[in-house]
Amino acid sequence: MENILSKFYLSTKPTSNLYLQWIEDESFVVDESNSFYLIVGKRLVDILISAAAIVFVLSWLLPIIGIIIFIDSPGSIFFIQPRTGYKGACFPCIKFRTMYNIKQTEFRQTSLNDDRVTRVGRFLRKTNLDELPQFINVLLGSMSIVGPRPHAVQHDVLYWTSMTYRNRYRIKPGITGLAQVRGARGETEKSQKMDHRVRYDLFYIKQRSFLFDIKIFILTIKTMLEGDKNAW
């Protein structure tokens, strides 16, 4: 794995930002719309919603969830993992910690009935509450509210030779996305599952608009209230 990583890392800057080698895929046609929303509006919406979420929700919910996490299993309340962002740039993705605070020697996706997940963690994952701290990532500009979900760098390395796969990072990753609300989430132990997820991501990239983002956002809220059966 270390040899593979070293092959695809383009550079490591003093800020510890890693970059996967980005190769433009001319065969992939993106809808280059000149709409105000895609050029300016989407970022404005991201700033307004993320700022409101931090001030009116995270400001009081974060301490409550943090205390519950600590009581359930001592350790940090946050899990910060390097994930791939726009055009292969790595960024620290923030989540509430949902696993026991143990040192892992190698990357492994969360699986069904994974014994690393805590009792509180299962609830946070099922309701997507573990993703709430990512509004901080949105405000800082490394993520958008709606977009393809960012994967762990170690995970992306396995698929990075595919131009089709890389094209999901032509836009900023999101807290939620079309693939997630359509049930394409969870462990991708089979390549078909990843292919299915990427198709949703590329469809979103081509069709993204204000109304499309609103629809995905509403479906995400609905999934949170009902509980996501594919969230482990």
Protein backbone atom coordinates (compact mmCIF):
# COMPACT_ATOMS: atom_id res chain seq x y z
CA MET A 1 0.00 0.00 0.00
CA GLU A 2 2.83 2.41 0.81
CA ASN A 3 4.31 1.87 -2.67
CA ILE A 4 0.94 2.60 -4.27
CA LEU A 5 0.53 5.75 -2.19
CA SER A 6 3.99 7.02 -3.07
CA LYS A 7 3.26 6.41 -6.76
CA PHE A 8 0.11 8.54 -6.81
CA TYR A 9 0.96 11.33 -4.36
CA LEU A 10 2.02 14.31 -6.41
CA SER A 11 3.40 16.42 -3.58
CA THR A 12 3.49 16.98 0.14
CA LYS A 13 3.63 20.64 1.07
CA PRO A 14 4.77 22.07 4.44
CA THR A 15 1.11 22.42 5.38
CA SER A 16 0.82 18.62 5.08
CA ASN A 17 -1.63 18.98 2.19
CA LEU A 18 -1.41 15.89 -0.01
CA TYR A 19 -2.37 15.83 -3.66
CA LEU A 20 -3.29 12.82 -5.72
CA GLN A 21 -2.06 13.12 -9.28
CA TRP A 22 -4.76 14.95 -11.25
CA ILE A 23 -5.09 14.24 -14.97
CA GLU A 24 -7.68 16.13 -17.00
CA ASP A 25 -10.05 13.76 -18.79
CA GLU A 26 -11.05 15.41 -22.06
CA SER A 27 -13.51 12.64 -22.83
CA PHE A 28 -15.67 13.61 -19.88
CA VAL A 29 -18.05 16.42 -20.81
CA VAL A 30 -19.29 18.52 -17.91
CA ASP A 31 -22.21 20.89 -18.26
CA GLU A 32 -20.29 24.16 -18.29
CA SER A 33 -23.30 26.24 -17.38
CA ASN A 34 -22.81 29.96 -16.90
CA SER A 35 -25.68 30.15 -14.44
CA PHE A 36 -25.27 32.56 -11.55
CA TYR A 37 -25.92 29.76 -9.09
CA LEU A 38 -23.01 27.58 -10.23
CA ILE A 39 -20.57 30.48 -10.54
CA VAL A 40 -21.42 32.42 -7.38
CA GLY A 41 -24.71 31.35 -5.83
CA LYS A 42 -23.72 27.85 -4.72
CA ARG A 43 -20.82 29.18 -2.66
CA LEU A 44 -23.00 31.91 -1.16
CA VAL A 45 -25.62 29.33 -0.17
CA ASP A 46 -22.87 27.15 1.34
CA ILE A 47 -21.58 30.04 3.44
CA LEU A 48 -25.02 31.15 4.64
CA ILE A 49 -26.30 27.67 5.53
CA SER A 50 -23.04 26.47 7.13
CA ALA A 51 -22.70 29.66 9.19
CA ALA A 52 -26.32 29.34 10.36
CA ALA A 53 -25.84 25.65 11.19
CA ILE A 54 -22.71 26.40 13.24
CA VAL A 55 -24.26 29.31 15.15
CA PHE A 56 -27.78 27.96 15.73
CA VAL A 57 -27.22 24.18 15.86
CA LEU A 58 -23.62 23.16 16.46
CA SER A 59 -23.10 25.82 19.14
CA TRP A 60 -25.39 23.92 21.54
CA LEU A 61 -25.59 20.43 20.01
CA LEU A 62 -21.83 19.91 19.78
CA PRO A 63 -21.26 20.02 23.59
CA ILE A 64 -24.20 17.66 24.18
CA ILE A 65 -23.08 15.09 21.62
CA GLY A 66 -19.48 15.53 22.74
CA ILE A 67 -20.29 14.67 26.36
CA ILE A 68 -22.35 11.64 25.31
CA ILE A 69 -19.51 10.39 23.08
CA PHE A 70 -16.95 10.79 25.88
CA ILE A 71 -19.12 9.01 28.45
CA ASP A 72 -19.79 6.15 26.04
CA SER A 73 -16.09 5.70 25.15
CA PRO A 74 -13.31 8.01 26.43
CA GLY A 75 -11.30 9.80 23.78
CA SER A 76 -11.57 12.68 21.34
CA ILE A 77 -15.10 13.70 20.37
CA PHE A 78 -13.94 14.37 16.82
CA PHE A 79 -12.53 12.08 14.16
CA ILE A 80 -10.42 14.00 11.64
CA GLN A 81 -9.43 12.03 8.55
CA PRO A 82 -7.53 13.08 5.41
CA ARG A 83 -9.95 12.95 2.51
CA THR A 84 -9.74 13.82 -1.16
CA GLY A 85 -11.20 17.13 -2.27
CA TYR A 86 -11.43 19.26 -5.40
CA LYS A 87 -9.04 18.00 -8.09
CA GLY A 88 -7.26 15.62 -5.77
CA ALA A 89 -6.32 18.10 -3.02
CA CYS A 90 -6.39 16.48 0.42
CA PHE A 91 -8.16 18.18 3.34
CA PRO A 92 -8.91 17.26 6.99
CA CYS A 93 -12.54 16.08 7.04
CA ILE A 94 -14.20 16.54 10.45
CA LYS A 95 -16.73 14.11 11.93
CA PHE A 96 -17.98 13.15 15.35
CA ARG A 97 -16.05 10.09 16.49
CA THR A 98 -18.19 6.97 16.08
CA MET A 99 -15.57 4.29 16.76
CA TYR A 100 -13.60 3.25 19.79
CA ASN A 101 -10.44 5.28 20.30
CA ILE A 102 -7.98 2.62 19.17
CA LYS A 103 -4.93 2.88 16.95
CA GLN A 104 -5.44 1.32 13.51
CA THR A 105 -2.44 0.12 11.53
CA GLU A 106 -4.23 -0.03 8.18
CA PHE A 107 -7.24 1.48 6.46
CA ARG A 108 -10.44 -0.57 6.59
CA GLN A 109 -13.95 0.52 5.60
CA THR A 110 -16.73 0.27 8.13
CA SER A 111 -18.73 -2.91 7.58
CA LEU A 112 -22.10 -4.19 8.79
CA ASN A 113 -22.00 -4.93 12.55
CA ASP A 114 -18.44 -3.60 12.72
CA ASP A 115 -17.20 -4.11 16.30
CA ARG A 116 -15.15 -0.91 16.11
CA VAL A 117 -18.32 1.24 16.13
CA THR A 118 -19.55 2.40 19.54
CA ARG A 119 -23.16 2.27 20.75
CA VAL A 120 -23.53 6.03 20.37
CA GLY A 121 -21.66 5.83 17.07
CA ARG A 122 -24.28 3.55 15.56
CA PHE A 123 -27.00 6.08 16.33
CA LEU A 124 -24.92 8.99 14.99
CA ARG A 125 -24.21 7.11 11.77
CA LYS A 126 -27.82 6.00 11.32
CA THR A 127 -29.08 9.57 11.62
CA ASN A 128 -26.12 11.17 9.79
CA LEU A 129 -25.49 13.35 12.85
CA ASP A 130 -21.83 12.31 12.75
CA GLU A 131 -21.44 14.46 9.62
CA LEU A 132 -22.63 17.71 11.25
CA PRO A 133 -19.10 19.04 12.03
CA GLN A 134 -18.47 19.09 8.28
CA PHE A 135 -20.37 22.37 8.13
CA ILE A 136 -17.03 23.74 9.38
CA ASN A 137 -15.38 22.25 6.27
CA VAL A 138 -18.05 23.89 4.14
CA LEU A 139 -17.53 27.30 5.72
CA LEU A 140 -13.76 26.99 5.21
CA GLY A 141 -14.32 26.18 1.54
CA SER A 142 -12.98 22.62 1.30
CA MET A 143 -16.48 21.15 0.92
CA SER A 144 -19.93 22.08 -0.35
CA ILE A 145 -23.25 21.14 1.22
CA VAL A 146 -24.24 19.06 -1.82
CA GLY A 147 -21.76 17.16 -3.95
CA PRO A 148 -20.05 13.78 -4.30
CA ARG A 149 -19.02 12.41 -0.88
CA PRO A 150 -15.27 12.66 -0.22
CA HIS A 151 -13.55 9.34 0.26
CA ALA A 152 -10.53 8.59 2.42
CA VAL A 153 -7.26 9.14 0.53
CA GLN A 154 -6.30 5.48 1.05
CA HIS A 155 -9.59 4.46 -0.52
CA ASP A 156 -9.24 6.76 -3.52
CA VAL A 157 -5.77 5.42 -4.32
CA LEU A 158 -7.36 2.08 -5.20
CA TYR A 159 -9.45 3.68 -7.97
CA TRP A 160 -7.37 6.70 -8.98
CA THR A 161 -6.10 5.18 -12.24
CA SER A 162 -9.68 5.36 -13.56
CA MET A 163 -10.37 8.67 -15.30
CA THR A 164 -14.09 8.11 -14.78
CA TYR A 165 -13.55 7.81 -11.04
CA ARG A 166 -11.30 10.89 -10.83
CA ASN A 167 -13.95 12.98 -12.56
CA ARG A 168 -16.15 12.84 -9.46
CA TYR A 169 -13.64 15.33 -7.99
CA ARG A 170 -14.13 17.92 -10.74
CA ILE A 171 -16.27 19.76 -8.19
CA LYS A 172 -16.04 20.14 -4.42
CA PRO A 173 -17.19 17.13 -2.40
CA GLY A 174 -20.34 17.51 -0.32
CA ILE A 175 -21.78 16.68 3.08
CA THR A 176 -24.54 14.91 1.19
CA GLY A 177 -25.08 13.94 -2.41
CA LEU A 178 -27.31 12.22 -4.94
CA ALA A 179 -25.66 8.83 -4.37
CA GLN A 180 -26.32 8.99 -0.63
CA VAL A 181 -30.02 9.85 -0.88
CA ARG A 182 -30.44 7.08 -3.46
CA GLY A 183 -28.98 4.53 -1.05
CA ALA A 184 -25.55 4.16 -2.66
CA ARG A 185 -23.50 4.46 0.50
CA GLY A 186 -21.81 2.21 3.03
CA GLU A 187 -19.09 -0.34 2.34
CA THR A 188 -17.98 -0.80 -1.28
CA GLU A 189 -16.58 -4.32 -0.94
CA LYS A 190 -17.57 -4.98 -4.57
CA SER A 191 -16.41 -2.88 -7.52
CA GLN A 192 -20.00 -2.81 -8.82
CA LYS A 193 -21.07 -0.85 -5.76
CA MET A 194 -18.42 1.79 -6.40
CA ASP A 195 -19.34 1.96 -10.10
CA HIS A 196 -22.98 2.50 -9.12
CA ARG A 197 -22.02 5.31 -6.75
CA VAL A 198 -19.79 7.00 -9.33
CA ARG A 199 -22.60 6.99 -11.90
CA TYR A 200 -24.79 8.93 -9.49
CA ASP A 201 -21.95 11.38 -8.80
CA LEU A 202 -21.25 12.06 -12.48
CA PHE A 203 -24.96 12.46 -13.21
CA TYR A 204 -25.15 15.07 -10.44
CA ILE A 205 -22.13 16.93 -11.82
CA LYS A 206 -23.78 17.22 -15.22
CA GLN A 207 -27.24 18.16 -13.93
CA ARG A 208 -26.45 20.23 -10.82
CA SER A 209 -28.63 23.25 -10.23
CA PHE A 210 -30.24 25.17 -7.38
CA LEU A 211 -33.47 23.16 -7.55
CA PHE A 212 -31.56 19.86 -7.76
CA ASP A 213 -29.54 20.79 -4.67
CA ILE A 214 -32.69 21.72 -2.76
CA LYS A 215 -34.27 18.37 -3.65
CA ILE A 216 -31.19 16.44 -2.44
CA PHE A 217 -31.05 18.52 0.75
CA ILE A 218 -34.72 17.78 1.53
CA LEU A 219 -34.24 14.06 0.83
CA THR A 220 -31.23 14.09 3.18
CA ILE A 221 -33.33 15.55 6.01
CA LYS A 222 -35.98 12.90 5.32
CA THR A 223 -33.34 10.15 5.51
CA MET A 224 -31.98 11.54 8.78
CA LEU A 225 -35.44 11.46 10.38
CA GLU A 226 -36.23 7.97 9.13
CA GLY A 227 -32.78 6.49 9.76
CA ASP A 228 -30.51 5.30 6.96
CA LYS A 229 -30.45 1.50 6.69
CA ASN A 230 -27.21 1.66 4.69
CA ALA A 231 -25.39 3.71 7.35
CA TRP A 232 -23.36 1.45 9.61
